[in-house]
PDB file of all heavy atoms in Angstrom:
ATOM      1  N   MET A   1       4.562 -27.219  -4.309  1.00  0.00           N
ATOM      2  CA  MET A   1       4.167 -26.607  -3.054  1.00  0.00           C
ATOM      3  C   MET A   1       5.018 -25.366  -2.773  1.00  0.00           C
ATOM      4  O   MET A   1       4.503 -24.367  -2.270  1.00  0.00           O
ATOM      5  CB  MET A   1       4.299 -27.655  -1.932  1.00  0.00           C
ATOM      6  CG  MET A   1       3.844 -27.184  -0.613  1.00  0.00           C
ATOM      7  SD  MET A   1       2.066 -27.012  -0.653  1.00  0.00           S
ATOM      8  CE  MET A   1       1.738 -26.607   0.989  1.00  0.00           C
ATOM      9  N   LYS A   2       6.299 -25.469  -3.091  1.00  0.00           N
ATOM     10  CA  LYS A   2       7.200 -24.348  -2.867  1.00  0.00           C
ATOM     11  C   LYS A   2       6.797 -23.155  -3.723  1.00  0.00           C
ATOM     12  O   LYS A   2       6.819 -22.013  -3.259  1.00  0.00           O
ATOM     13  CB  LYS A   2       8.631 -24.790  -3.197  1.00  0.00           C
ATOM     14  CG  LYS A   2       9.693 -23.818  -2.731  1.00  0.00           C
ATOM     15  CD  LYS A   2      11.063 -24.224  -3.197  1.00  0.00           C
ATOM     16  CE  LYS A   2      11.742 -25.084  -2.153  1.00  0.00           C
ATOM     17  NZ  LYS A   2      13.133 -25.382  -2.489  1.00  0.00           N
ATOM     18  N   MET A   3       6.376 -23.410  -4.977  1.00  0.00           N
ATOM     19  CA  MET A   3       5.926 -22.332  -5.875  1.00  0.00           C
ATOM     20  C   MET A   3       4.662 -21.666  -5.334  1.00  0.00           C
ATOM     21  O   MET A   3       4.506 -20.458  -5.439  1.00  0.00           O
ATOM     22  CB  MET A   3       5.625 -22.884  -7.271  1.00  0.00           C
ATOM     23  CG  MET A   3       6.734 -22.874  -8.280  1.00  0.00           C
ATOM     24  SD  MET A   3       7.714 -21.432  -8.236  1.00  0.00           S
ATOM     25  CE  MET A   3       7.395 -20.826  -9.826  1.00  0.00           C
ATOM     26  N   PHE A   4       3.774 -22.453  -4.781  1.00  0.00           N
ATOM     27  CA  PHE A   4       2.525 -21.923  -4.236  1.00  0.00           C
ATOM     28  C   PHE A   4       2.805 -20.986  -3.059  1.00  0.00           C
ATOM     29  O   PHE A   4       2.248 -19.889  -2.981  1.00  0.00           O
ATOM     30  CB  PHE A   4       1.624 -23.091  -3.798  1.00  0.00           C
ATOM     31  CG  PHE A   4       0.327 -22.657  -3.193  1.00  0.00           C
ATOM     32  CD1 PHE A   4      -0.662 -22.088  -3.984  1.00  0.00           C
ATOM     33  CD2 PHE A   4       0.088 -22.799  -1.823  1.00  0.00           C
ATOM     34  CE1 PHE A   4      -1.859 -21.678  -3.432  1.00  0.00           C
ATOM     35  CE2 PHE A   4      -1.097 -22.388  -1.274  1.00  0.00           C
ATOM     36  CZ  PHE A   4      -2.077 -21.827  -2.070  1.00  0.00           C
ATOM     37  N   LEU A   5       3.666 -21.404  -2.151  1.00  0.00           N
ATOM     38  CA  LEU A   5       4.002 -20.559  -1.005  1.00  0.00           C
ATOM     39  C   LEU A   5       4.742 -19.294  -1.443  1.00  0.00           C
ATOM     40  O   LEU A   5       4.525 -18.218  -0.891  1.00  0.00           O
ATOM     41  CB  LEU A   5       4.850 -21.344  -0.002  1.00  0.00           C
ATOM     42  CG  LEU A   5       4.119 -22.470   0.739  1.00  0.00           C
ATOM     43  CD1 LEU A   5       5.094 -23.234   1.627  1.00  0.00           C
ATOM     44  CD2 LEU A   5       2.989 -21.918   1.572  1.00  0.00           C
ATOM     45  N   LEU A   6       5.592 -19.431  -2.443  1.00  0.00           N
ATOM     46  CA  LEU A   6       6.319 -18.272  -2.953  1.00  0.00           C
ATOM     47  C   LEU A   6       5.369 -17.269  -3.605  1.00  0.00           C
ATOM     48  O   LEU A   6       5.503 -16.058  -3.414  1.00  0.00           O
ATOM     49  CB  LEU A   6       7.383 -18.734  -3.959  1.00  0.00           C
ATOM     50  CG  LEU A   6       8.396 -17.703  -4.409  1.00  0.00           C
ATOM     51  CD1 LEU A   6       9.160 -17.131  -3.227  1.00  0.00           C
ATOM     52  CD2 LEU A   6       9.346 -18.302  -5.421  1.00  0.00           C
ATOM     53  N   SER A   7       4.371 -17.741  -4.347  1.00  0.00           N
ATOM     54  CA  SER A   7       3.406 -16.836  -4.975  1.00  0.00           C
ATOM     55  C   SER A   7       2.536 -16.137  -3.924  1.00  0.00           C
ATOM     56  O   SER A   7       2.197 -14.964  -4.047  1.00  0.00           O
ATOM     57  CB  SER A   7       2.539 -17.592  -5.988  1.00  0.00           C
ATOM     58  OG  SER A   7       1.779 -18.572  -5.340  1.00  0.00           O
ATOM     59  N   ILE A   8       2.173 -16.835  -2.853  1.00  0.00           N
ATOM     60  CA  ILE A   8       1.411 -16.214  -1.773  1.00  0.00           C
ATOM     61  C   ILE A   8       2.252 -15.137  -1.082  1.00  0.00           C
ATOM     62  O   ILE A   8       1.760 -14.054  -0.762  1.00  0.00           O
ATOM     63  CB  ILE A   8       0.912 -17.272  -0.760  1.00  0.00           C
ATOM     64  CG1 ILE A   8      -0.178 -18.137  -1.408  1.00  0.00           C
ATOM     65  CG2 ILE A   8       0.389 -16.618   0.512  1.00  0.00           C
ATOM     66  CD1 ILE A   8      -0.705 -19.236  -0.541  1.00  0.00           C
ATOM     67  N   ALA A   9       3.521 -15.404  -0.873  1.00  0.00           N
ATOM     68  CA  ALA A   9       4.410 -14.422  -0.247  1.00  0.00           C
ATOM     69  C   ALA A   9       4.524 -13.179  -1.126  1.00  0.00           C
ATOM     70  O   ALA A   9       4.500 -12.045  -0.617  1.00  0.00           O
ATOM     71  CB  ALA A   9       5.784 -15.038  -0.001  1.00  0.00           C
ATOM     72  N   TYR A  10       4.641 -13.365  -2.460  1.00  0.00           N
ATOM     73  CA  TYR A  10       4.704 -12.219  -3.361  1.00  0.00           C
ATOM     74  C   TYR A  10       3.403 -11.414  -3.326  1.00  0.00           C
ATOM     75  O   TYR A  10       3.414 -10.186  -3.349  1.00  0.00           O
ATOM     76  CB  TYR A  10       5.012 -12.657  -4.795  1.00  0.00           C
ATOM     77  CG  TYR A  10       6.473 -12.960  -5.040  1.00  0.00           C
ATOM     78  CD1 TYR A  10       6.859 -14.137  -5.658  1.00  0.00           C
ATOM     79  CD2 TYR A  10       7.459 -12.061  -4.679  1.00  0.00           C
ATOM     80  CE1 TYR A  10       8.189 -14.419  -5.892  1.00  0.00           C
ATOM     81  CE2 TYR A  10       8.792 -12.329  -4.902  1.00  0.00           C
ATOM     82  CZ  TYR A  10       9.154 -13.506  -5.505  1.00  0.00           C
ATOM     83  OH  TYR A  10      10.470 -13.773  -5.734  1.00  0.00           O
ATOM     84  N   CYS A  11       2.289 -12.106  -3.271  1.00  0.00           N
ATOM     85  CA  CYS A  11       0.993 -11.420  -3.208  1.00  0.00           C
ATOM     86  C   CYS A  11       0.879 -10.592  -1.929  1.00  0.00           C
ATOM     87  O   CYS A  11       0.434  -9.441  -1.951  1.00  0.00           O
ATOM     88  CB  CYS A  11      -0.152 -12.416  -3.288  1.00  0.00           C
ATOM     89  SG  CYS A  11      -0.377 -13.128  -4.919  1.00  0.00           S
ATOM     90  N   LEU A  12       1.260 -11.163  -0.792  1.00  0.00           N
ATOM     91  CA  LEU A  12       1.201 -10.437   0.472  1.00  0.00           C
ATOM     92  C   LEU A  12       2.148  -9.236   0.471  1.00  0.00           C
ATOM     93  O   LEU A  12       1.808  -8.166   0.972  1.00  0.00           O
ATOM     94  CB  LEU A  12       1.526 -11.372   1.636  1.00  0.00           C
ATOM     95  CG  LEU A  12       0.481 -12.445   1.939  1.00  0.00           C
ATOM     96  CD1 LEU A  12       0.978 -13.379   3.040  1.00  0.00           C
ATOM     97  CD2 LEU A  12      -0.828 -11.805   2.340  1.00  0.00           C
ATOM     98  N   LEU A  13       3.312  -9.394  -0.129  1.00  0.00           N
ATOM     99  CA  LEU A  13       4.257  -8.290  -0.226  1.00  0.00           C
ATOM    100  C   LEU A  13       3.696  -7.170  -1.103  1.00  0.00           C
ATOM    101  O   LEU A  13       3.783  -5.995  -0.750  1.00  0.00           O
ATOM    102  CB  LEU A  13       5.588  -8.800  -0.793  1.00  0.00           C
ATOM    103  CG  LEU A  13       6.690  -7.758  -0.959  1.00  0.00           C
ATOM    104  CD1 LEU A  13       7.112  -7.224   0.400  1.00  0.00           C
ATOM    105  CD2 LEU A  13       7.869  -8.347  -1.694  1.00  0.00           C
ATOM    106  N   PHE A  14       3.085  -7.549  -2.213  1.00  0.00           N
ATOM    107  CA  PHE A  14       2.493  -6.555  -3.112  1.00  0.00           C
ATOM    108  C   PHE A  14       1.359  -5.797  -2.423  1.00  0.00           C
ATOM    109  O   PHE A  14       1.259  -4.577  -2.519  1.00  0.00           O
ATOM    110  CB  PHE A  14       1.978  -7.245  -4.384  1.00  0.00           C
ATOM    111  CG  PHE A  14       1.295  -6.322  -5.332  1.00  0.00           C
ATOM    112  CD1 PHE A  14       2.022  -5.425  -6.083  1.00  0.00           C
ATOM    113  CD2 PHE A  14      -0.083  -6.336  -5.449  1.00  0.00           C
ATOM    114  CE1 PHE A  14       1.398  -4.561  -6.957  1.00  0.00           C
ATOM    115  CE2 PHE A  14      -0.728  -5.470  -6.312  1.00  0.00           C
ATOM    116  CZ  PHE A  14       0.023  -4.579  -7.070  1.00  0.00           C
ATOM    117  N   ILE A  15       0.510  -6.507  -1.690  1.00  0.00           N
ATOM    118  CA  ILE A  15      -0.608  -5.870  -0.996  1.00  0.00           C
ATOM    119  C   ILE A  15      -0.103  -4.928   0.079  1.00  0.00           C
ATOM    120  O   ILE A  15      -0.599  -3.805   0.228  1.00  0.00           O
ATOM    121  CB  ILE A  15      -1.554  -6.944  -0.403  1.00  0.00           C
ATOM    122  CG1 ILE A  15      -2.293  -7.668  -1.525  1.00  0.00           C
ATOM    123  CG2 ILE A  15      -2.548  -6.320   0.569  1.00  0.00           C
ATOM    124  CD1 ILE A  15      -3.079  -8.866  -1.070  1.00  0.00           C
ATOM    125  N   SER A  16       0.902  -5.351   0.841  1.00  0.00           N
ATOM    126  CA  SER A  16       1.406  -4.475   1.907  1.00  0.00           C
ATOM    127  C   SER A  16       2.074  -3.235   1.327  1.00  0.00           C
ATOM    128  O   SER A  16       1.938  -2.140   1.873  1.00  0.00           O
ATOM    129  CB  SER A  16       2.371  -5.223   2.815  1.00  0.00           C
ATOM    130  OG  SER A  16       3.548  -5.554   2.092  1.00  0.00           O
ATOM    131  N   LEU A  17       2.776  -3.357   0.202  1.00  0.00           N
ATOM    132  CA  LEU A  17       3.399  -2.191  -0.422  1.00  0.00           C
ATOM    133  C   LEU A  17       2.353  -1.243  -0.987  1.00  0.00           C
ATOM    134  O   LEU A  17       2.489  -0.024  -0.873  1.00  0.00           O
ATOM    135  CB  LEU A  17       4.375  -2.617  -1.517  1.00  0.00           C
ATOM    136  CG  LEU A  17       5.675  -3.257  -1.029  1.00  0.00           C
ATOM    137  CD1 LEU A  17       6.502  -3.717  -2.217  1.00  0.00           C
ATOM    138  CD2 LEU A  17       6.454  -2.303  -0.162  1.00  0.00           C
ATOM    139  N   SER A  18       1.309  -1.784  -1.579  1.00  0.00           N
ATOM    140  CA  SER A  18       0.278  -0.911  -2.138  1.00  0.00           C
ATOM    141  C   SER A  18      -0.483  -0.190  -1.027  1.00  0.00           C
ATOM    142  O   SER A  18      -0.866   0.964  -1.173  1.00  0.00           O
ATOM    143  CB  SER A  18      -0.678  -1.700  -3.021  1.00  0.00           C
ATOM    144  OG  SER A  18      -1.405  -2.631  -2.243  1.00  0.00           O
ATOM    145  N   CYS A  19      -0.702  -0.824   0.111  1.00  0.00           N
ATOM    146  CA  CYS A  19      -1.367  -0.165   1.237  1.00  0.00           C
ATOM    147  C   CYS A  19      -0.497   0.963   1.773  1.00  0.00           C
ATOM    148  O   CYS A  19      -1.004   2.023   2.134  1.00  0.00           O
ATOM    149  CB  CYS A  19      -1.669  -1.159   2.345  1.00  0.00           C
ATOM    150  SG  CYS A  19      -3.007  -2.300   1.937  1.00  0.00           S
ATOM    151  N   ASN A  20       0.811   0.744   1.849  1.00  0.00           N
ATOM    152  CA  ASN A  20       1.709   1.797   2.320  1.00  0.00           C
ATOM    153  C   ASN A  20       1.695   2.982   1.378  1.00  0.00           C
ATOM    154  O   ASN A  20       1.732   4.124   1.808  1.00  0.00           O
ATOM    155  CB  ASN A  20       3.126   1.258   2.477  1.00  0.00           C
ATOM    156  CG  ASN A  20       3.274   0.371   3.691  1.00  0.00           C
ATOM    157  OD1 ASN A  20       2.478   0.444   4.621  1.00  0.00           O
ATOM    158  ND2 ASN A  20       4.288  -0.480   3.694  1.00  0.00           N
ATOM    159  N   GLU A  21       1.644   2.740   0.068  1.00  0.00           N
ATOM    160  CA  GLU A  21       1.597   3.835  -0.897  1.00  0.00           C
ATOM    161  C   GLU A  21       0.295   4.625  -0.758  1.00  0.00           C
ATOM    162  O   GLU A  21       0.284   5.845  -0.857  1.00  0.00           O
ATOM    163  CB  GLU A  21       1.754   3.313  -2.323  1.00  0.00           C
ATOM    164  CG  GLU A  21       3.141   2.819  -2.653  1.00  0.00           C
ATOM    165  CD  GLU A  21       4.191   3.924  -2.537  1.00  0.00           C
ATOM    166  OE1 GLU A  21       3.913   5.049  -2.972  1.00  0.00           O
ATOM    167  OE2 GLU A  21       5.268   3.649  -1.993  1.00  0.00           O
ATOM    168  N   GLN A  22      -0.811   3.934  -0.516  1.00  0.00           N
ATOM    169  CA  GLN A  22      -2.085   4.629  -0.327  1.00  0.00           C
ATOM    170  C   GLN A  22      -2.051   5.485   0.931  1.00  0.00           C
ATOM    171  O   GLN A  22      -2.524   6.611   0.940  1.00  0.00           O
ATOM    172  CB  GLN A  22      -3.241   3.631  -0.228  1.00  0.00           C
ATOM    173  CG  GLN A  22      -3.733   3.141  -1.548  1.00  0.00           C
ATOM    174  CD  GLN A  22      -4.943   2.245  -1.382  1.00  0.00           C
ATOM    175  OE1 GLN A  22      -5.148   1.643  -0.341  1.00  0.00           O
ATOM    176  NE2 GLN A  22      -5.738   2.154  -2.424  1.00  0.00           N
ATOM    177  N   ASN A  23      -1.456   4.980   2.010  1.00  0.00           N
ATOM    178  CA  ASN A  23      -1.375   5.758   3.246  1.00  0.00           C
ATOM    179  C   ASN A  23      -0.505   6.994   3.061  1.00  0.00           C
ATOM    180  O   ASN A  23      -0.805   8.047   3.600  1.00  0.00           O
ATOM    181  CB  ASN A  23      -0.825   4.896   4.386  1.00  0.00           C
ATOM    182  CG  ASN A  23      -1.822   3.854   4.838  1.00  0.00           C
ATOM    183  OD1 ASN A  23      -3.008   3.990   4.587  1.00  0.00           O
ATOM    184  ND2 ASN A  23      -1.333   2.818   5.495  1.00  0.00           N
ATOM    185  N   LYS A  24       0.567   6.885   2.290  1.00  0.00           N
ATOM    186  CA  LYS A  24       1.407   8.048   2.020  1.00  0.00           C
ATOM    187  C   LYS A  24       0.631   9.076   1.224  1.00  0.00           C
ATOM    188  O   LYS A  24       0.724  10.267   1.476  1.00  0.00           O
ATOM    189  CB  LYS A  24       2.670   7.637   1.255  1.00  0.00           C
ATOM    190  CG  LYS A  24       3.683   6.917   2.097  1.00  0.00           C
ATOM    191  CD  LYS A  24       4.889   6.542   1.254  1.00  0.00           C
ATOM    192  CE  LYS A  24       5.861   5.685   2.024  1.00  0.00           C
ATOM    193  NZ  LYS A  24       6.969   5.242   1.181  1.00  0.00           N
ATOM    194  N   HIS A  25      -0.157   8.616   0.237  1.00  0.00           N
ATOM    195  CA  HIS A  25      -0.943   9.535  -0.582  1.00  0.00           C
ATOM    196  C   HIS A  25      -1.990  10.250   0.263  1.00  0.00           C
ATOM    197  O   HIS A  25      -2.176  11.451   0.151  1.00  0.00           O
ATOM    198  CB  HIS A  25      -1.603   8.770  -1.733  1.00  0.00           C
ATOM    199  CG  HIS A  25      -2.461   9.631  -2.600  1.00  0.00           C
ATOM    200  ND1 HIS A  25      -1.931  10.607  -3.402  1.00  0.00           N
ATOM    201  CD2 HIS A  25      -3.807   9.672  -2.767  1.00  0.00           C
ATOM    202  CE1 HIS A  25      -2.909  11.213  -4.039  1.00  0.00           C
ATOM    203  NE2 HIS A  25      -4.064  10.661  -3.669  1.00  0.00           N
ATOM    204  N   VAL A  26      -2.651   9.528   1.154  1.00  0.00           N
ATOM    205  CA  VAL A  26      -3.656  10.134   2.021  1.00  0.00           C
ATOM    206  C   VAL A  26      -2.991  11.108   2.978  1.00  0.00           C
ATOM    207  O   VAL A  26      -3.510  12.189   3.236  1.00  0.00           O
ATOM    208  CB  VAL A  26      -4.444   9.037   2.786  1.00  0.00           C
ATOM    209  CG1 VAL A  26      -5.289   9.636   3.881  1.00  0.00           C
ATOM    210  CG2 VAL A  26      -5.292   8.246   1.818  1.00  0.00           C
ATOM    211  N   ALA A  27      -1.823  10.780   3.497  1.00  0.00           N
ATOM    212  CA  ALA A  27      -1.133  11.678   4.423  1.00  0.00           C
ATOM    213  C   ALA A  27      -0.711  12.959   3.718  1.00  0.00           C
ATOM    214  O   ALA A  27      -0.772  14.034   4.298  1.00  0.00           O
ATOM    215  CB  ALA A  27       0.085  10.979   5.009  1.00  0.00           C
ATOM    216  N   ASN A  28      -0.317  12.883   2.461  1.00  0.00           N
ATOM    217  CA  ASN A  28       0.096  14.072   1.730  1.00  0.00           C
ATOM    218  C   ASN A  28      -1.091  14.954   1.373  1.00  0.00           C
ATOM    219  O   ASN A  28      -0.968  16.159   1.342  1.00  0.00           O
ATOM    220  CB  ASN A  28       0.848  13.683   0.455  1.00  0.00           C
ATOM    221  CG  ASN A  28       2.234  13.136   0.773  1.00  0.00           C
ATOM    222  OD1 ASN A  28       2.777  13.397   1.837  1.00  0.00           O
ATOM    223  ND2 ASN A  28       2.785  12.371  -0.148  1.00  0.00           N
ATOM    224  N   THR A  29      -2.234  14.371   1.105  1.00  0.00           N
ATOM    225  CA  THR A  29      -3.391  15.171   0.702  1.00  0.00           C
ATOM    226  C   THR A  29      -4.175  15.690   1.896  1.00  0.00           C
ATOM    227  O   THR A  29      -4.997  16.563   1.735  1.00  0.00           O
ATOM    228  CB  THR A  29      -4.332  14.353  -0.193  1.00  0.00           C
ATOM    229  OG1 THR A  29      -4.731  13.190   0.511  1.00  0.00           O
ATOM    230  CG2 THR A  29      -3.656  13.986  -1.493  1.00  0.00           C
ATOM    231  N   SER A  30      -3.938  15.155   3.095  1.00  0.00           N
ATOM    232  CA  SER A  30      -4.710  15.606   4.245  1.00  0.00           C
ATOM    233  C   SER A  30      -4.254  16.973   4.747  1.00  0.00           C
ATOM    234  O   SER A  30      -4.965  17.625   5.485  1.00  0.00           O
ATOM    235  CB  SER A  30      -4.633  14.576   5.371  1.00  0.00           C
ATOM    236  OG  SER A  30      -3.311  14.520   5.863  1.00  0.00           O
ATOM    237  N   VAL A  31      -3.075  17.423   4.372  1.00  0.00           N
ATOM    238  CA  VAL A  31      -2.603  18.745   4.772  1.00  0.00           C
ATOM    239  C   VAL A  31      -3.298  19.767   3.883  1.00  0.00           C
ATOM    240  O   VAL A  31      -3.071  19.827   2.690  1.00  0.00           O
ATOM    241  CB  VAL A  31      -1.074  18.848   4.628  1.00  0.00           C
ATOM    242  CG1 VAL A  31      -0.608  20.239   4.971  1.00  0.00           C
ATOM    243  CG2 VAL A  31      -0.393  17.810   5.487  1.00  0.00           C
ATOM    244  N   SER A  32      -4.176  20.552   4.468  1.00  0.00           N
ATOM    245  CA  SER A  32      -4.923  21.519   3.677  1.00  0.00           C
ATOM    246  C   SER A  32      -4.492  22.927   4.029  1.00  0.00           C
ATOM    247  O   SER A  32      -4.146  23.227   5.165  1.00  0.00           O
ATOM    248  CB  SER A  32      -6.426  21.354   3.898  1.00  0.00           C
ATOM    249  OG  SER A  32      -6.732  21.668   5.225  1.00  0.00           O
ATOM    250  N   THR A  33      -4.527  23.788   3.041  1.00  0.00           N
ATOM    251  CA  THR A  33      -4.154  25.174   3.262  1.00  0.00           C
ATOM    252  C   THR A  33      -5.366  26.029   3.580  1.00  0.00           C
ATOM    253  O   THR A  33      -5.221  27.179   3.919  1.00  0.00           O
ATOM    254  CB  THR A  33      -3.443  25.731   2.018  1.00  0.00           C
ATOM    255  OG1 THR A  33      -4.322  25.594   0.893  1.00  0.00           O
ATOM    256  CG2 THR A  33      -2.169  24.975   1.746  1.00  0.00           C
ATOM    257  N   GLY A  34      -6.543  25.476   3.473  1.00  0.00           N
ATOM    258  CA  GLY A  34      -7.764  26.204   3.762  1.00  0.00           C
ATOM    259  C   GLY A  34      -8.939  25.538   3.094  1.00  0.00           C
ATOM    260  O   GLY A  34      -8.786  24.634   2.281  1.00  0.00           O
ATOM    261  N   LEU A  35     -10.118  25.967   3.430  1.00  0.00           N
ATOM    262  CA  LEU A  35     -11.316  25.422   2.823  1.00  0.00           C
ATOM    263  C   LEU A  35     -11.867  26.417   1.815  1.00  0.00           C
ATOM    264  O   LEU A  35     -11.893  27.617   2.061  1.00  0.00           O
ATOM    265  CB  LEU A  35     -12.370  25.122   3.887  1.00  0.00           C
ATOM    266  CG  LEU A  35     -12.079  23.934   4.784  1.00  0.00           C
ATOM    267  CD1 LEU A  35     -13.163  23.789   5.836  1.00  0.00           C
ATOM    268  CD2 LEU A  35     -11.972  22.665   3.973  1.00  0.00           C
ATOM    269  N   TYR A  36     -12.302  25.907   0.688  1.00  0.00           N
ATOM    270  CA  TYR A  36     -12.878  26.718  -0.367  1.00  0.00           C
ATOM    271  C   TYR A  36     -14.326  26.296  -0.542  1.00  0.00           C
ATOM    272  O   TYR A  36     -14.648  25.113  -0.501  1.00  0.00           O
ATOM    273  CB  TYR A  36     -12.107  26.517  -1.676  1.00  0.00           C
ATOM    274  CG  TYR A  36     -10.705  27.063  -1.604  1.00  0.00           C
ATOM    275  CD1 TYR A  36      -9.671  26.321  -1.071  1.00  0.00           C
ATOM    276  CD2 TYR A  36     -10.420  28.340  -2.066  1.00  0.00           C
ATOM    277  CE1 TYR A  36      -8.392  26.830  -0.999  1.00  0.00           C
ATOM    278  CE2 TYR A  36      -9.143  28.857  -2.003  1.00  0.00           C
ATOM    279  CZ  TYR A  36      -8.129  28.098  -1.465  1.00  0.00           C
ATOM    280  OH  TYR A  36      -6.864  28.609  -1.391  1.00  0.00           O
TER     281      TYR A  36
END
């Protein structure tokens, strides 16, 4: 049972970190210098 809860915690941590990385990528690309 302890292993199961630990694996779920790792999965949630991985998902939250990947979402933060995606938000940083979107924030960096949203700054535009002009439209072409």
